[in-house]
């Protein structure tokens, strides 16, 4: 047989392999088209007072108290707040050159990020005594942790997993909804094996798989703060805290006068539409206003 004949037979065999069922591994369906995230609404369980001058950037719950990181240059702080009354029982003010950001509680240490300064502070939980500082390569936005790593956001679609002792980066995770990057990830909280994230300039929380980065659900918090409360100067939804012992979820916003305990409810209608709303027009609005974050709260500074 000629070399050409051998080649033709090889080509025919190759085509048979491609066309015969079961002869070639198929791409799993989940790789082709991810299922749409579940869309959730909410039910208000209880309302608590919140300092309307707290520019909330990070929020943690433990033992009847909230630990809160607040922002704005010259106004940034670390606080211990009594949940029931909203009373600030302990406060540490940051130097005026620092803009406070995300916060988490790792064992007996509070870890606080700053924004452009890219400096983290580690405090003793009980006394707020500064134990050490560390640095990171991108902006600081949100911070939480799982049982092994700190998890940091920087306003992009990327989450950074850090060693909690050395603060070195261990891995990165890109957050996507059906292949589309979810940018402007802000405040973070680890809830029942998922990462909950505020998406800046929206009234949505994303429920994120810490393994794959896929958005598992969208929580639509539209209308949480009443028109009466919005009559005073307030800023965006930001701040998530979770009471694991009693399975309670708390949310608030920057300069909001109230903090809400909410219960999630699956929402009637299309989860696809919910994702589009959280990622569509409002995300375009956020992109247009990204430079405005430089001036976040400037229209309120006269009050201070």
Protein backbone atom coordinates (compact mmCIF):
# COMPACT_ATOMS: atom_id res chain seq x y z
CA UNK A 1 0.00 0.00 0.00
CA UNK A 2 1.28 3.47 -0.83
CA UNK A 3 2.10 6.01 1.83
CA UNK A 4 -0.86 8.07 0.59
CA UNK A 5 -3.15 5.05 1.09
CA UNK A 6 -1.95 4.59 4.64
CA UNK A 7 -2.56 8.28 5.31
CA UNK A 8 -6.10 8.08 3.91
CA UNK A 9 -6.90 5.11 6.13
CA UNK A 10 -5.56 6.98 9.16
CA UNK A 11 -7.73 9.99 8.32
CA UNK A 12 -10.81 7.80 7.92
CA UNK A 13 -10.14 6.08 11.24
CA UNK A 14 -9.71 9.44 12.93
CA UNK A 15 -13.05 10.68 11.57
CA UNK A 16 -14.73 7.47 12.76
CA UNK A 17 -13.35 8.05 16.25
CA UNK A 18 -14.73 11.59 16.31
CA UNK A 19 -18.17 10.64 15.04
CA UNK A 20 -18.75 7.40 16.97
CA UNK A 21 -20.69 7.80 20.26
CA UNK A 22 -18.72 6.88 23.34
CA UNK A 23 -15.40 6.84 21.46
CA UNK A 24 -14.31 10.35 22.56
CA UNK A 25 -14.70 12.01 25.98
CA UNK A 26 -17.32 14.75 25.96
CA UNK A 27 -16.92 18.07 27.78
CA UNK A 28 -19.09 17.93 30.93
CA UNK A 29 -22.30 19.95 30.48
CA UNK A 30 -21.41 22.15 33.47
CA UNK A 31 -18.38 23.38 31.55
CA UNK A 32 -20.54 24.32 28.58
CA UNK A 33 -23.28 26.26 30.36
CA UNK A 34 -23.39 26.87 34.10
CA UNK A 35 -26.76 26.85 35.79
CA UNK A 36 -28.16 30.25 36.71
CA UNK A 37 -27.61 31.38 40.31
CA UNK A 38 -30.55 31.20 42.71
CA UNK A 39 -32.20 34.57 43.34
CA UNK A 40 -33.07 35.47 46.95
CA UNK A 41 -35.11 38.19 48.53
CA UNK A 42 -35.25 38.84 52.26
CA UNK A 43 -37.42 39.09 55.32
CA UNK A 44 -36.50 41.54 58.09
CA UNK A 45 -36.26 39.66 61.39
CA UNK A 46 -35.17 42.55 63.59
CA UNK A 47 -33.84 46.10 63.34
CA UNK A 48 -31.01 47.45 65.52
CA UNK A 49 -29.66 50.99 65.91
CA UNK A 50 -26.50 51.86 63.98
CA UNK A 51 -24.31 54.95 64.26
CA UNK A 52 -25.34 57.18 61.31
CA UNK A 53 -21.84 58.68 61.25
CA UNK A 54 -20.13 55.29 60.83
CA UNK A 55 -18.85 54.91 57.26
CA UNK A 56 -19.01 51.11 57.47
CA UNK A 57 -16.29 49.24 55.60
CA UNK A 58 -15.96 46.01 57.58
CA UNK A 59 -18.25 44.19 60.03
CA UNK A 60 -17.83 41.15 62.30
CA UNK A 61 -20.10 39.64 64.98
CA UNK A 62 -19.03 37.80 68.13
CA UNK A 63 -20.70 37.24 71.49
CA UNK A 64 -23.29 40.01 71.42
CA UNK A 65 -20.96 42.60 69.92
CA UNK A 66 -20.15 43.90 66.48
CA UNK A 67 -16.60 44.79 65.54
CA UNK A 68 -16.68 47.48 62.89
CA UNK A 69 -14.12 49.15 60.64
CA UNK A 70 -15.08 52.62 59.42
CA UNK A 71 -13.57 54.67 56.62
CA UNK A 72 -12.89 58.22 55.40
CA UNK A 73 -9.57 59.96 55.90
CA UNK A 74 -9.51 61.56 59.32
CA UNK A 75 -12.60 59.58 60.40
CA UNK A 76 -11.44 55.96 60.13
CA UNK A 77 -11.72 53.76 63.20
CA UNK A 78 -11.93 50.30 64.70
CA UNK A 79 -14.94 49.87 67.00
CA UNK A 80 -16.56 47.42 69.37
CA UNK A 81 -20.32 48.00 69.31
CA UNK A 82 -23.07 46.58 71.49
CA UNK A 83 -25.50 44.92 69.08
CA UNK A 84 -28.70 45.56 71.04
CA UNK A 85 -28.15 49.27 71.63
CA UNK A 86 -25.68 50.35 68.95
CA UNK A 87 -23.52 51.83 71.71
CA UNK A 88 -19.81 52.08 70.91
CA UNK A 89 -18.02 50.55 73.90
CA UNK A 90 -14.46 50.75 72.56
CA UNK A 91 -12.87 52.74 69.74
CA UNK A 92 -9.43 53.05 68.19
CA UNK A 93 -8.95 55.89 65.71
CA UNK A 94 -6.63 55.36 62.76
CA UNK A 95 -4.04 58.02 61.88
CA UNK A 96 -5.63 60.53 59.46
CA UNK A 97 -3.59 59.35 56.47
CA UNK A 98 -5.29 55.92 56.61
CA UNK A 99 -8.70 55.06 55.11
CA UNK A 100 -10.12 52.08 57.03
CA UNK A 101 -11.51 49.14 55.03
CA UNK A 102 -12.27 45.43 55.54
CA UNK A 103 -12.14 43.68 58.91
CA UNK A 104 -12.10 40.09 60.16
CA UNK A 105 -11.59 38.26 63.45
CA UNK A 106 -8.98 35.50 63.27
CA UNK A 107 -8.80 33.66 66.59
CA UNK A 108 -8.02 36.37 69.16
CA UNK A 109 -6.84 38.95 66.63
CA UNK A 110 -8.70 41.61 64.70
CA UNK A 111 -7.24 42.24 61.25
CA UNK A 112 -8.09 45.50 59.49
CA UNK A 113 -7.28 46.62 55.95
CA UNK A 114 -6.76 50.10 54.58
CA UNK A 115 -7.59 51.28 51.09
CA UNK A 116 -4.91 53.00 48.97
CA UNK A 117 -2.37 52.76 51.77
CA UNK A 118 -2.24 48.96 51.26
CA UNK A 119 -1.38 48.47 54.91
CA UNK A 120 -3.01 45.99 57.25
CA UNK A 121 -3.22 46.28 61.03
CA UNK A 122 -3.34 43.36 63.47
CA UNK A 123 -4.85 44.08 66.90
CA UNK A 124 -5.38 42.18 70.11
CA UNK A 125 -9.14 41.68 70.21
CA UNK A 126 -9.76 42.54 73.86
CA UNK A 127 -7.60 45.66 74.13
CA UNK A 128 -7.24 46.86 70.49
CA UNK A 129 -3.50 46.93 71.14
CA UNK A 130 -1.63 47.04 67.84
CA UNK A 131 0.43 43.87 67.43
CA UNK A 132 1.89 44.29 63.95
CA UNK A 133 1.35 45.67 60.46
CA UNK A 134 1.66 44.07 57.03
CA UNK A 135 1.38 45.15 53.41
CA UNK A 136 -0.27 43.84 50.25
CA UNK A 137 0.08 44.55 46.55
CA UNK A 138 -3.35 45.90 45.56
CA UNK A 139 -6.04 48.08 47.14
CA UNK A 140 -7.70 46.85 50.32
CA UNK A 141 -11.51 46.52 50.18
CA UNK A 142 -13.08 43.54 51.99
CA UNK A 143 -11.74 40.85 54.33
CA UNK A 144 -13.02 37.58 55.78
CA UNK A 145 -11.66 34.07 56.40
CA UNK A 146 -12.45 30.39 56.13
CA UNK A 147 -10.92 27.82 58.50
CA UNK A 148 -7.49 28.07 56.85
CA UNK A 149 -7.00 31.38 55.05
CA UNK A 150 -7.82 35.05 55.09
CA UNK A 151 -9.80 36.11 52.01
CA UNK A 152 -9.31 39.63 50.65
CA UNK A 153 -11.05 41.66 47.93
CA UNK A 154 -9.69 44.70 46.09
CA UNK A 155 -12.67 45.98 44.08
CA UNK A 156 -11.98 43.72 41.11
CA UNK A 157 -13.43 40.27 40.35
CA UNK A 158 -10.47 38.62 42.12
CA UNK A 159 -10.38 37.23 45.66
CA UNK A 160 -6.99 36.67 47.31
CA UNK A 161 -6.43 33.85 49.81
CA UNK A 162 -3.71 34.70 52.35
CA UNK A 163 -1.80 32.77 54.99
CA UNK A 164 -3.15 34.22 58.28
CA UNK A 165 0.26 34.13 59.95
CA UNK A 166 2.57 35.42 57.21
CA UNK A 167 -0.07 37.27 55.10
CA UNK A 168 1.56 35.84 51.98
CA UNK A 169 -0.75 35.12 49.07
CA UNK A 170 -1.63 31.42 48.74
CA UNK A 171 -3.96 31.51 45.74
CA UNK A 172 -6.33 33.68 43.73
CA UNK A 173 -9.90 33.10 42.66
CA UNK A 174 -11.82 34.91 39.92
CA UNK A 175 -15.52 35.35 40.67
CA UNK A 176 -17.85 34.79 37.72
CA UNK A 177 -21.55 34.54 36.99
CA UNK A 178 -21.99 32.21 34.00
CA UNK A 179 -18.60 33.19 32.64
CA UNK A 180 -18.93 36.91 33.26
CA UNK A 181 -16.53 38.45 35.81
CA UNK A 182 -18.23 40.00 38.85
CA UNK A 183 -16.28 43.17 39.56
CA UNK A 184 -16.45 45.64 42.46
CA UNK A 185 -16.44 42.93 45.15
CA UNK A 186 -16.39 44.84 48.42
CA UNK A 187 -17.17 43.76 52.01
CA UNK A 188 -16.94 39.99 52.58
CA UNK A 189 -18.31 37.46 55.07
CA UNK A 190 -17.87 33.68 55.24
CA UNK A 191 -21.29 32.11 55.78
CA UNK A 192 -21.93 28.35 55.97
CA UNK A 193 -19.15 27.43 53.56
CA UNK A 194 -19.80 30.27 51.09
CA UNK A 195 -18.36 33.75 50.63
CA UNK A 196 -20.97 36.51 50.77
CA UNK A 197 -19.87 39.74 49.08
CA UNK A 198 -21.29 43.22 48.78
CA UNK A 199 -21.04 44.42 45.19
CA UNK A 200 -20.19 48.12 45.32
CA UNK A 201 -22.88 50.56 44.15
CA UNK A 202 -25.56 47.84 44.05
CA UNK A 203 -28.12 46.55 46.53
CA UNK A 204 -27.00 42.99 45.84
CA UNK A 205 -24.96 40.42 47.70
CA UNK A 206 -23.26 37.63 45.78
CA UNK A 207 -23.06 34.11 47.25
CA UNK A 208 -19.77 32.71 45.96
CA UNK A 209 -18.27 29.23 45.90
CA UNK A 210 -14.83 29.46 47.56
CA UNK A 211 -13.71 26.47 45.49
CA UNK A 212 -14.69 27.54 41.97
CA UNK A 213 -15.48 31.26 42.22
CA UNK A 214 -18.91 30.65 40.68
CA UNK A 215 -21.78 32.84 41.88
CA UNK A 216 -24.21 30.39 43.47
CA UNK A 217 -26.86 32.97 44.29
CA UNK A 218 -27.79 36.64 44.26
CA UNK A 219 -29.41 38.30 47.28
CA UNK A 220 -31.50 41.31 46.26
CA UNK A 221 -31.76 43.76 49.18
CA UNK A 222 -33.62 46.46 47.29
CA UNK A 223 -35.79 48.57 49.59
CA UNK A 224 -34.10 47.47 52.81
CA UNK A 225 -33.57 51.06 53.95
CA UNK A 226 -36.84 53.01 53.92
CA UNK A 227 -37.37 56.26 51.95
CA UNK A 228 -37.69 58.05 55.30
CA UNK A 229 -34.24 56.86 56.36
CA UNK A 230 -32.86 57.80 52.95
CA UNK A 231 -34.09 61.35 53.44
CA UNK A 232 -30.95 61.97 55.49
CA UNK A 233 -27.47 61.67 53.92
CA UNK A 234 -26.63 57.98 53.54
CA UNK A 235 -24.27 56.05 51.31
CA UNK A 236 -24.24 52.55 49.80
CA UNK A 237 -25.17 49.17 51.23
CA UNK A 238 -21.99 47.76 52.81
CA UNK A 239 -21.40 45.53 55.81
CA UNK A 240 -22.19 41.84 56.40
CA UNK A 241 -21.83 39.98 59.69
CA UNK A 242 -22.81 36.43 60.60
CA UNK A 243 -23.61 34.85 63.96
CA UNK A 244 -22.71 31.20 63.31
CA UNK A 245 -23.91 30.03 66.72
CA UNK A 246 -27.48 31.25 66.18
CA UNK A 247 -27.45 31.34 62.37
CA UNK A 248 -28.19 35.08 62.18
CA UNK A 249 -27.26 37.31 59.24
CA UNK A 250 -26.77 41.07 59.73
CA UNK A 251 -26.40 43.77 57.07
CA UNK A 252 -26.05 47.55 57.08
CA UNK A 253 -24.60 50.38 55.00
CA UNK A 254 -22.30 53.37 55.12
CA UNK A 255 -23.84 56.09 57.30
CA UNK A 256 -27.01 54.03 57.72
CA UNK A 257 -28.96 54.68 60.95
CA UNK A 258 -30.04 51.03 61.17
CA UNK A 259 -28.57 47.54 61.08
CA UNK A 260 -30.83 44.71 59.94
CA UNK A 261 -31.06 41.06 60.87
CA UNK A 262 -32.49 39.36 57.80
CA UNK A 263 -33.66 35.93 56.71
CA UNK A 264 -33.21 34.91 53.08
CA UNK A 265 -36.16 33.81 50.99
CA UNK A 266 -36.04 32.33 47.51
CA UNK A 267 -37.51 34.91 45.20
CA UNK A 268 -40.21 34.20 42.64
CA UNK A 269 -39.21 34.91 39.07
CA UNK A 270 -36.14 34.37 36.99
CA UNK A 271 -32.77 34.03 38.68
CA UNK A 272 -31.31 34.96 35.31
CA UNK A 273 -33.09 38.32 35.45
CA UNK A 274 -31.81 38.87 38.98
CA UNK A 275 -28.24 38.27 37.91
CA UNK A 276 -28.68 40.59 34.96
CA UNK A 277 -30.01 43.32 37.27
CA UNK A 278 -27.09 42.93 39.67
CA UNK A 279 -24.51 42.75 36.89
CA UNK A 280 -26.09 44.90 34.20
CA UNK A 281 -27.09 48.53 34.43
CA UNK A 282 -25.98 48.93 38.03
CA UNK A 283 -22.54 47.51 37.27
CA UNK A 284 -22.21 49.95 34.38
CA UNK A 285 -23.20 52.68 36.80
CA UNK A 286 -20.52 51.48 39.22
CA UNK A 287 -17.91 51.48 36.46
CA UNK A 288 -18.82 55.05 35.58
CA UNK A 289 -18.51 56.05 39.23
CA UNK A 290 -15.32 54.16 40.07
CA UNK A 291 -13.34 57.39 40.22
CA UNK A 292 -15.99 58.71 42.61
CA UNK A 293 -14.75 56.27 45.24
CA UNK A 294 -11.85 58.67 45.58
CA UNK A 295 -14.43 61.13 46.87
CA UNK A 296 -16.60 58.64 48.76
CA UNK A 297 -18.45 60.63 51.38
CA UNK A 298 -17.00 64.00 50.35
CA UNK A 299 -20.48 65.49 50.13
CA UNK A 300 -20.89 64.55 53.80
CA UNK A 301 -17.61 65.89 55.15
CA UNK A 302 -19.17 69.20 56.13
CA UNK A 303 -21.11 67.30 58.79
CA UNK A 304 -17.87 66.22 60.43
